[in-house]
Amino acid sequence: INDTLTKLLSSQQEESNRQSILKSENVTINDKILKIPRGTRDYHPRQMKIREEVFRTIIDCFKQHGADTIDTPVFELT
């Protein structure tokens, strides 16, 4: 788990650096700044692989102790 956590934190730092570069370059298309919806985030494929491994480990542990899986909406109406 420590190795996986280290990889995830490293990937998050890389993403933070990439976002800082994009902000400093003021990336625009047709004079509009590209933004993702509030409360969401894009993940690099390497980050997703690590996240999936972490979630799989957590889910397996929870299921061993009798927990049930639920699925909640990604977006909700406001």
Protein backbone atom coordinates (compact mmCIF):
# COMPACT_ATOMS: atom_id res chain seq x y z
CA ILE A 1 0.00 0.00 0.00
CA ASN A 2 2.87 2.40 0.78
CA ASP A 3 4.32 1.95 -2.71
CA THR A 4 0.92 2.54 -4.29
CA LEU A 5 0.38 5.63 -2.15
CA THR A 6 3.81 6.98 -3.12
CA LYS A 7 2.99 6.46 -6.82
CA LEU A 8 -0.39 8.19 -6.42
CA LEU A 9 1.14 11.18 -4.63
CA SER A 10 3.84 11.44 -7.29
CA SER A 11 1.20 11.37 -10.04
CA GLN A 12 -0.81 14.04 -8.23
CA GLN A 13 2.29 16.24 -8.04
CA GLU A 14 2.91 15.77 -11.78
CA GLU A 15 -0.72 16.73 -12.49
CA SER A 16 -0.43 19.78 -10.24
CA ASN A 17 2.70 20.86 -12.11
CA ARG A 18 0.94 20.34 -15.46
CA GLN A 19 -2.06 22.39 -14.34
CA SER A 20 0.25 25.18 -13.14
CA ILE A 21 1.90 25.27 -16.55
CA LEU A 22 -1.48 25.40 -18.31
CA LYS A 23 -2.66 28.23 -16.05
CA SER A 24 0.53 30.18 -16.60
CA GLU A 25 0.19 29.72 -20.36
CA ASN A 26 -3.49 30.75 -20.15
CA VAL A 27 -4.67 28.01 -22.52
CA THR A 28 -7.57 29.29 -24.60
CA ILE A 29 -9.68 28.23 -27.55
CA ASN A 30 -11.50 31.01 -29.39
CA ASP A 31 -10.69 33.37 -26.49
CA LYS A 32 -12.35 31.08 -23.91
CA ILE A 33 -10.44 29.48 -21.05
CA LEU A 34 -10.89 25.70 -20.90
CA LYS A 35 -12.31 24.55 -17.57
CA ILE A 36 -13.66 21.30 -16.23
CA PRO A 37 -16.93 21.28 -14.23
CA ARG A 38 -16.58 22.22 -10.56
CA GLY A 39 -16.02 19.26 -8.29
CA THR A 40 -14.58 17.11 -11.08
CA ARG A 41 -11.09 16.28 -12.18
CA ASP A 42 -9.33 14.68 -15.12
CA TYR A 43 -6.86 11.90 -14.39
CA HIS A 44 -3.92 10.75 -16.48
CA PRO A 45 -4.03 7.04 -17.45
CA ARG A 46 -1.11 6.31 -15.08
CA GLN A 47 -3.01 7.99 -12.24
CA MET A 48 -6.15 6.00 -13.06
CA LYS A 49 -4.24 2.72 -12.93
CA ILE A 50 -2.98 3.54 -9.44
CA ARG A 51 -6.42 4.78 -8.31
CA GLU A 52 -8.08 1.59 -9.57
CA GLU A 53 -5.54 -0.55 -7.69
CA VAL A 54 -6.12 1.41 -4.48
CA PHE A 55 -9.90 1.25 -4.81
CA ARG A 56 -9.76 -2.47 -5.65
CA THR A 57 -7.73 -3.09 -2.47
CA ILE A 58 -10.15 -1.07 -0.35
CA ILE A 59 -13.25 -2.68 -1.89
CA ASP A 60 -11.84 -6.18 -1.43
CA CYS A 61 -11.07 -5.43 2.22
CA PHE A 62 -14.56 -4.02 2.84
CA LYS A 63 -16.20 -7.02 1.14
CA GLN A 64 -14.18 -9.42 3.33
CA HIS A 65 -15.86 -7.77 6.32
CA GLY A 66 -19.37 -8.01 4.87
CA ALA A 67 -19.83 -4.57 3.29
CA ASP A 68 -22.09 -4.10 0.28
CA THR A 69 -21.23 -2.09 -2.82
CA ILE A 70 -23.35 0.92 -3.77
CA ASP A 71 -23.20 3.22 -6.77
CA THR A 72 -23.99 6.92 -6.46
CA PRO A 73 -24.53 9.47 -9.22
CA VAL A 74 -21.52 11.35 -10.53
CA PHE A 75 -23.56 14.52 -11.02
CA GLU A 76 -26.60 15.58 -9.06
CA LEU A 77 -29.23 18.17 -9.82
CA THR A 78 -28.84 21.41 -7.88
